[in-house]
């Protein structure tokens, strides 16, 4: 499955390069309030997927996910996933749990660019 995402990312980048000017011109509606609201909702949805990816990767490896939630740091909402029991796992499993969120964001970005 990961090969599919890598191929999708490469195809998306190859298709994007000649059309980058058109892409940047279409980004100006995000400067309006409605565009900024849609962009904020999209970022929030990706961050939720990011945290659930950490939780899923931990649960697959037998780690108990004690809590997930949202806290505010300097009036900015920050989602979190508590997987502190992962320190008992081997290094490769800890790395897989840590990288799960980043991997999800890369897949979402590649598929979004491809669309």
N, C-alpha and C. Protein backbone atom coordinates (compact mmCIF):
# COMPACT_ATOMS: atom_id res chain seq x y z
N UNK A 1 0.82 -1.20 0.00
CA UNK A 1 0.00 0.00 0.00
C UNK A 1 0.87 1.27 0.00
N UNK A 2 1.98 1.20 0.71
CA UNK A 2 2.84 2.37 0.76
C UNK A 2 3.42 2.69 -0.61
N UNK A 3 3.62 1.69 -1.44
CA UNK A 3 4.11 1.93 -2.80
C UNK A 3 3.11 2.74 -3.61
N UNK A 4 1.82 2.46 -3.40
CA UNK A 4 0.79 3.24 -4.09
C UNK A 4 0.88 4.71 -3.71
N UNK A 5 1.07 5.00 -2.42
CA UNK A 5 1.15 6.38 -1.97
C UNK A 5 2.41 7.07 -2.49
N UNK A 6 3.50 6.34 -2.57
CA UNK A 6 4.73 6.92 -3.11
C UNK A 6 4.56 7.23 -4.59
N UNK A 7 3.96 6.30 -5.33
CA UNK A 7 3.71 6.53 -6.75
C UNK A 7 2.75 7.71 -6.94
N UNK A 8 1.72 7.78 -6.11
CA UNK A 8 0.77 8.90 -6.19
C UNK A 8 1.47 10.23 -5.92
N UNK A 9 2.37 10.25 -4.95
CA UNK A 9 3.10 11.49 -4.64
C UNK A 9 4.00 11.90 -5.80
N UNK A 10 4.70 10.96 -6.38
CA UNK A 10 5.60 11.28 -7.50
C UNK A 10 4.79 11.78 -8.70
N UNK A 11 3.69 11.10 -9.02
CA UNK A 11 2.83 11.54 -10.14
C UNK A 11 2.27 12.93 -9.86
N UNK A 12 1.84 13.18 -8.62
CA UNK A 12 1.30 14.49 -8.27
C UNK A 12 2.33 15.59 -8.44
N UNK A 13 3.55 15.34 -8.01
CA UNK A 13 4.61 16.35 -8.14
C UNK A 13 4.95 16.59 -9.61
N UNK A 14 5.03 15.53 -10.39
CA UNK A 14 5.33 15.68 -11.82
C UNK A 14 4.22 16.46 -12.52
N UNK A 15 2.98 16.21 -12.17
CA UNK A 15 1.87 16.94 -12.77
C UNK A 15 1.78 18.39 -12.26
N UNK A 16 2.24 18.61 -11.03
CA UNK A 16 2.14 19.94 -10.42
C UNK A 16 3.16 20.92 -11.00
N UNK A 17 4.36 20.47 -11.27
CA UNK A 17 5.44 21.38 -11.66
C UNK A 17 5.07 22.26 -12.86
N UNK A 18 4.55 21.74 -13.97
CA UNK A 18 4.22 22.65 -15.07
C UNK A 18 3.01 23.53 -14.81
N UNK A 19 2.20 23.17 -13.81
CA UNK A 19 0.98 23.93 -13.51
C UNK A 19 1.10 24.74 -12.22
N UNK A 20 2.30 24.95 -11.73
CA UNK A 20 2.46 25.60 -10.43
C UNK A 20 1.96 27.05 -10.45
N UNK A 21 2.13 27.76 -11.53
CA UNK A 21 1.62 29.14 -11.62
C UNK A 21 0.11 29.19 -11.52
N UNK A 22 -0.55 28.28 -12.20
CA UNK A 22 -2.01 28.20 -12.14
C UNK A 22 -2.47 27.85 -10.72
N UNK A 23 -1.73 26.97 -10.06
CA UNK A 23 -2.06 26.59 -8.69
C UNK A 23 -1.94 27.78 -7.74
N UNK A 24 -0.86 28.55 -7.87
CA UNK A 24 -0.67 29.70 -7.00
C UNK A 24 -1.71 30.79 -7.27
N UNK A 25 -2.12 30.95 -8.51
CA UNK A 25 -3.17 31.92 -8.82
C UNK A 25 -4.50 31.52 -8.22
N UNK A 26 -4.75 30.23 -8.12
CA UNK A 26 -6.02 29.77 -7.55
C UNK A 26 -6.02 29.81 -6.03
N UNK A 27 -4.90 30.12 -5.40
CA UNK A 27 -4.81 30.15 -3.94
C UNK A 27 -5.29 31.47 -3.36
N UNK A 28 -5.52 32.50 -4.18
CA UNK A 28 -5.93 33.80 -3.66
C UNK A 28 -7.29 33.80 -2.96
N UNK A 29 -8.26 32.94 -3.30
CA UNK A 29 -9.51 32.95 -2.52
C UNK A 29 -9.33 32.59 -1.05
N UNK A 30 -8.22 31.94 -0.70
CA UNK A 30 -7.99 31.59 0.69
C UNK A 30 -7.60 32.81 1.53
N UNK A 31 -7.40 33.95 0.87
CA UNK A 31 -7.12 35.18 1.61
C UNK A 31 -8.40 35.82 2.13
N UNK A 32 -9.56 35.41 1.61
CA UNK A 32 -10.84 35.91 2.10
C UNK A 32 -11.22 35.13 3.37
N UNK A 33 -12.21 35.65 4.11
CA UNK A 33 -12.62 35.02 5.36
C UNK A 33 -13.18 33.62 5.15
N UNK A 34 -13.98 33.45 4.12
CA UNK A 34 -14.57 32.12 3.89
C UNK A 34 -13.49 31.11 3.50
N UNK A 35 -12.54 31.54 2.69
CA UNK A 35 -11.44 30.66 2.31
C UNK A 35 -10.57 30.30 3.50
N UNK A 36 -10.33 31.28 4.36
CA UNK A 36 -9.53 31.02 5.56
C UNK A 36 -10.26 30.06 6.50
N UNK A 37 -11.58 30.17 6.56
CA UNK A 37 -12.35 29.25 7.40
C UNK A 37 -12.27 27.82 6.87
N UNK A 38 -12.42 27.65 5.55
CA UNK A 38 -12.29 26.32 4.95
C UNK A 38 -10.89 25.75 5.15
N UNK A 39 -9.89 26.60 5.03
CA UNK A 39 -8.52 26.16 5.24
C UNK A 39 -8.30 25.72 6.69
N UNK A 40 -8.83 26.48 7.64
CA UNK A 40 -8.71 26.11 9.06
C UNK A 40 -9.42 24.80 9.36
N UNK A 41 -10.58 24.58 8.74
CA UNK A 41 -11.29 23.31 8.94
C UNK A 41 -10.51 22.15 8.35
N UNK A 42 -9.89 22.35 7.21
CA UNK A 42 -9.10 21.29 6.59
C UNK A 42 -7.87 20.96 7.45
N UNK A 43 -7.21 21.97 7.97
CA UNK A 43 -6.05 21.73 8.83
C UNK A 43 -6.48 21.01 10.10
N UNK A 44 -7.61 21.40 10.68
CA UNK A 44 -8.11 20.73 11.89
C UNK A 44 -8.42 19.26 11.60
N UNK A 45 -9.02 18.97 10.47
CA UNK A 45 -9.34 17.59 10.12
C UNK A 45 -8.06 16.76 9.94
N UNK A 46 -7.05 17.33 9.31
CA UNK A 46 -5.79 16.61 9.13
C UNK A 46 -5.10 16.38 10.47
N UNK A 47 -5.18 17.33 11.38
CA UNK A 47 -4.57 17.15 12.70
C UNK A 47 -5.28 16.07 13.50
N UNK A 48 -6.60 15.96 13.35
CA UNK A 48 -7.34 14.88 14.02
C UNK A 48 -6.89 13.54 13.46
N UNK A 49 -6.76 13.43 12.13
CA UNK A 49 -6.25 12.21 11.52
C UNK A 49 -4.83 11.90 12.00
N UNK A 50 -4.02 12.92 12.16
CA UNK A 50 -2.65 12.78 12.64
C UNK A 50 -2.63 12.10 14.01
N UNK A 51 -3.43 12.61 14.92
CA UNK A 51 -3.45 12.06 16.28
C UNK A 51 -4.06 10.67 16.32
N UNK A 52 -5.09 10.42 15.53
CA UNK A 52 -5.66 9.08 15.48
C UNK A 52 -4.67 8.08 14.88
N UNK A 53 -3.80 8.54 14.01
CA UNK A 53 -2.77 7.66 13.45
C UNK A 53 -1.79 7.22 14.53
N UNK A 54 -1.40 8.16 15.40
CA UNK A 54 -0.55 7.79 16.53
C UNK A 54 -1.25 6.74 17.40
N UNK A 55 -2.53 6.99 17.68
CA UNK A 55 -3.29 6.07 18.54
C UNK A 55 -3.43 4.70 17.89
N UNK A 56 -3.70 4.65 16.60
CA UNK A 56 -3.85 3.38 15.90
C UNK A 56 -2.53 2.60 15.88
N UNK A 57 -1.43 3.30 15.58
CA UNK A 57 -0.13 2.64 15.55
C UNK A 57 0.24 2.10 16.93
N UNK A 58 -0.11 2.83 17.97
CA UNK A 58 0.17 2.35 19.33
C UNK A 58 -0.70 1.16 19.68
N UNK A 59 -1.98 1.22 19.35
CA UNK A 59 -2.89 0.13 19.68
C UNK A 59 -2.51 -1.16 18.95
N UNK A 60 -2.05 -1.05 17.71
CA UNK A 60 -1.62 -2.22 16.95
C UNK A 60 -0.44 -2.90 17.64
N UNK A 61 0.40 -2.12 18.29
CA UNK A 61 1.58 -2.66 18.96
C UNK A 61 1.33 -3.00 20.42
N UNK A 62 0.06 -2.96 20.84
CA UNK A 62 -0.29 -3.37 22.19
C UNK A 62 -0.15 -2.31 23.26
N UNK A 63 0.03 -1.06 22.86
CA UNK A 63 0.16 0.03 23.82
C UNK A 63 -1.22 0.58 24.14
N UNK A 64 -1.48 0.79 25.40
CA UNK A 64 -2.75 1.38 25.82
C UNK A 64 -2.72 2.89 25.58
N UNK A 65 -3.71 3.37 24.85
CA UNK A 65 -3.85 4.81 24.64
C UNK A 65 -4.71 5.33 25.78
N UNK A 66 -4.08 6.01 26.72
CA UNK A 66 -4.78 6.44 27.93
C UNK A 66 -5.77 7.56 27.68
N UNK A 67 -5.39 8.49 26.82
CA UNK A 67 -6.31 9.60 26.54
C UNK A 67 -5.92 10.28 25.25
N UNK A 68 -6.90 10.94 24.69
CA UNK A 68 -6.71 11.80 23.53
C UNK A 68 -7.53 13.06 23.81
N UNK A 69 -7.06 14.16 23.32
CA UNK A 69 -7.83 15.36 23.60
C UNK A 69 -7.23 16.60 22.97
N UNK A 70 -7.63 17.71 23.55
CA UNK A 70 -7.25 19.02 23.05
C UNK A 70 -6.91 19.89 24.24
N UNK A 71 -5.76 20.52 24.22
CA UNK A 71 -5.45 21.49 25.26
C UNK A 71 -5.05 22.79 24.58
N UNK A 72 -5.05 23.85 25.36
CA UNK A 72 -4.76 25.17 24.80
C UNK A 72 -3.41 25.66 25.31
N UNK A 73 -2.56 26.03 24.36
CA UNK A 73 -1.25 26.56 24.69
C UNK A 73 -1.17 27.95 24.07
N UNK A 74 -1.12 28.95 24.89
CA UNK A 74 -1.09 30.35 24.47
C UNK A 74 -2.26 30.62 23.53
N UNK A 75 -3.46 30.25 23.96
CA UNK A 75 -4.72 30.44 23.25
C UNK A 75 -4.79 29.72 21.90
N UNK A 76 -3.93 28.73 21.71
CA UNK A 76 -3.93 27.95 20.48
C UNK A 76 -4.30 26.50 20.81
N UNK A 77 -5.32 25.95 20.16
CA UNK A 77 -5.68 24.56 20.46
C UNK A 77 -4.63 23.59 19.91
N UNK A 78 -4.24 22.64 20.75
CA UNK A 78 -3.23 21.66 20.38
C UNK A 78 -3.78 20.26 20.69
N UNK A 79 -3.98 19.43 19.66
CA UNK A 79 -4.45 18.06 19.93
C UNK A 79 -3.31 17.19 20.44
N UNK A 80 -3.66 16.17 21.22
CA UNK A 80 -2.64 15.27 21.74
C UNK A 80 -3.17 13.85 21.85
N UNK A 81 -2.25 12.91 21.92
CA UNK A 81 -2.55 11.49 22.10
C UNK A 81 -1.53 10.97 23.11
N UNK A 82 -2.00 10.44 24.22
CA UNK A 82 -1.11 9.97 25.28
C UNK A 82 -0.72 8.52 25.04
N UNK A 83 0.49 8.29 24.56
CA UNK A 83 1.02 6.94 24.34
C UNK A 83 2.32 6.78 25.14
N UNK A 84 2.31 7.20 26.39
CA UNK A 84 3.53 7.17 27.20
C UNK A 84 4.02 5.75 27.49
N UNK A 85 3.13 4.77 27.41
CA UNK A 85 3.57 3.40 27.65
C UNK A 85 4.42 2.84 26.51
N UNK A 86 4.56 3.60 25.45
CA UNK A 86 5.35 3.13 24.30
C UNK A 86 6.84 3.08 24.62
N UNK A 87 7.28 3.69 25.69
CA UNK A 87 8.71 3.68 26.02
C UNK A 87 9.20 2.27 26.30
N UNK A 88 8.31 1.35 26.60
CA UNK A 88 8.69 -0.03 26.90
C UNK A 88 8.97 -0.84 25.62
N UNK A 89 8.52 -0.33 24.50
CA UNK A 89 8.66 -1.05 23.24
C UNK A 89 10.08 -0.93 22.68
N UNK A 90 10.42 -1.80 21.75
CA UNK A 90 11.72 -1.64 21.05
C UNK A 90 11.76 -0.33 20.25
N UNK A 91 12.94 0.07 19.93
CA UNK A 91 13.14 1.36 19.26
C UNK A 91 12.37 1.47 17.95
N UNK A 92 12.32 0.40 17.17
CA UNK A 92 11.63 0.43 15.87
C UNK A 92 10.13 0.69 16.05
N UNK A 93 9.54 0.08 17.08
CA UNK A 93 8.11 0.29 17.33
C UNK A 93 7.83 1.70 17.82
N UNK A 94 8.70 2.22 18.67
CA UNK A 94 8.53 3.62 19.12
C UNK A 94 8.63 4.58 17.95
N UNK A 95 9.56 4.31 17.06
CA UNK A 95 9.72 5.16 15.87
C UNK A 95 8.49 5.07 14.97
N UNK A 96 7.93 3.87 14.83
CA UNK A 96 6.73 3.70 13.99
C UNK A 96 5.55 4.47 14.57
N UNK A 97 5.41 4.46 15.90
CA UNK A 97 4.33 5.21 16.54
C UNK A 97 4.55 6.71 16.35
N UNK A 98 5.77 7.15 16.53
CA UNK A 98 6.06 8.58 16.38
C UNK A 98 5.87 9.05 14.95
N UNK A 99 6.23 8.23 13.98
CA UNK A 99 6.17 8.63 12.58
C UNK A 99 4.78 8.45 11.98
N UNK A 100 3.86 7.79 12.68
CA UNK A 100 2.53 7.51 12.11
C UNK A 100 1.78 8.78 11.74
N UNK A 101 1.85 9.79 12.57
CA UNK A 101 1.16 11.04 12.27
C UNK A 101 1.74 11.75 11.07
N UNK A 102 3.05 11.80 10.99
CA UNK A 102 3.72 12.44 9.86
C UNK A 102 3.39 11.69 8.57
N UNK A 103 3.42 10.36 8.65
CA UNK A 103 3.10 9.56 7.47
C UNK A 103 1.69 9.85 6.97
N UNK A 104 0.75 9.99 7.89
CA UNK A 104 -0.63 10.30 7.51
C UNK A 104 -0.72 11.66 6.83
N UNK A 105 -0.03 12.65 7.37
CA UNK A 105 -0.06 13.97 6.75
C UNK A 105 0.58 13.96 5.36
N UNK A 106 1.64 13.18 5.19
CA UNK A 106 2.25 13.07 3.87
C UNK A 106 1.31 12.41 2.87
N UNK A 107 0.60 11.38 3.30
CA UNK A 107 -0.35 10.70 2.41
C UNK A 107 -1.49 11.65 2.05
N UNK A 108 -2.03 12.36 3.03
CA UNK A 108 -3.12 13.31 2.75
C UNK A 108 -2.63 14.40 1.80
N UNK A 109 -1.42 14.89 2.02
CA UNK A 109 -0.87 15.92 1.13
C UNK A 109 -0.66 15.43 -0.29
N UNK A 110 -0.13 14.21 -0.42
CA UNK A 110 0.09 13.65 -1.76
C UNK A 110 -1.21 13.42 -2.49
N UNK A 111 -2.21 12.86 -1.79
CA UNK A 111 -3.50 12.62 -2.44
C UNK A 111 -4.21 13.93 -2.76
N UNK A 112 -4.07 14.94 -1.91
CA UNK A 112 -4.68 16.23 -2.18
C UNK A 112 -4.04 16.89 -3.40
N UNK A 113 -2.73 16.82 -3.49
CA UNK A 113 -2.05 17.39 -4.64
C UNK A 113 -2.41 16.64 -5.91
N UNK A 114 -2.58 15.35 -5.82
CA UNK A 114 -2.95 14.56 -6.97
C UNK A 114 -4.37 14.92 -7.46
N UNK A 115 -5.26 15.18 -6.51
CA UNK A 115 -6.64 15.56 -6.89
C UNK A 115 -6.62 16.92 -7.55
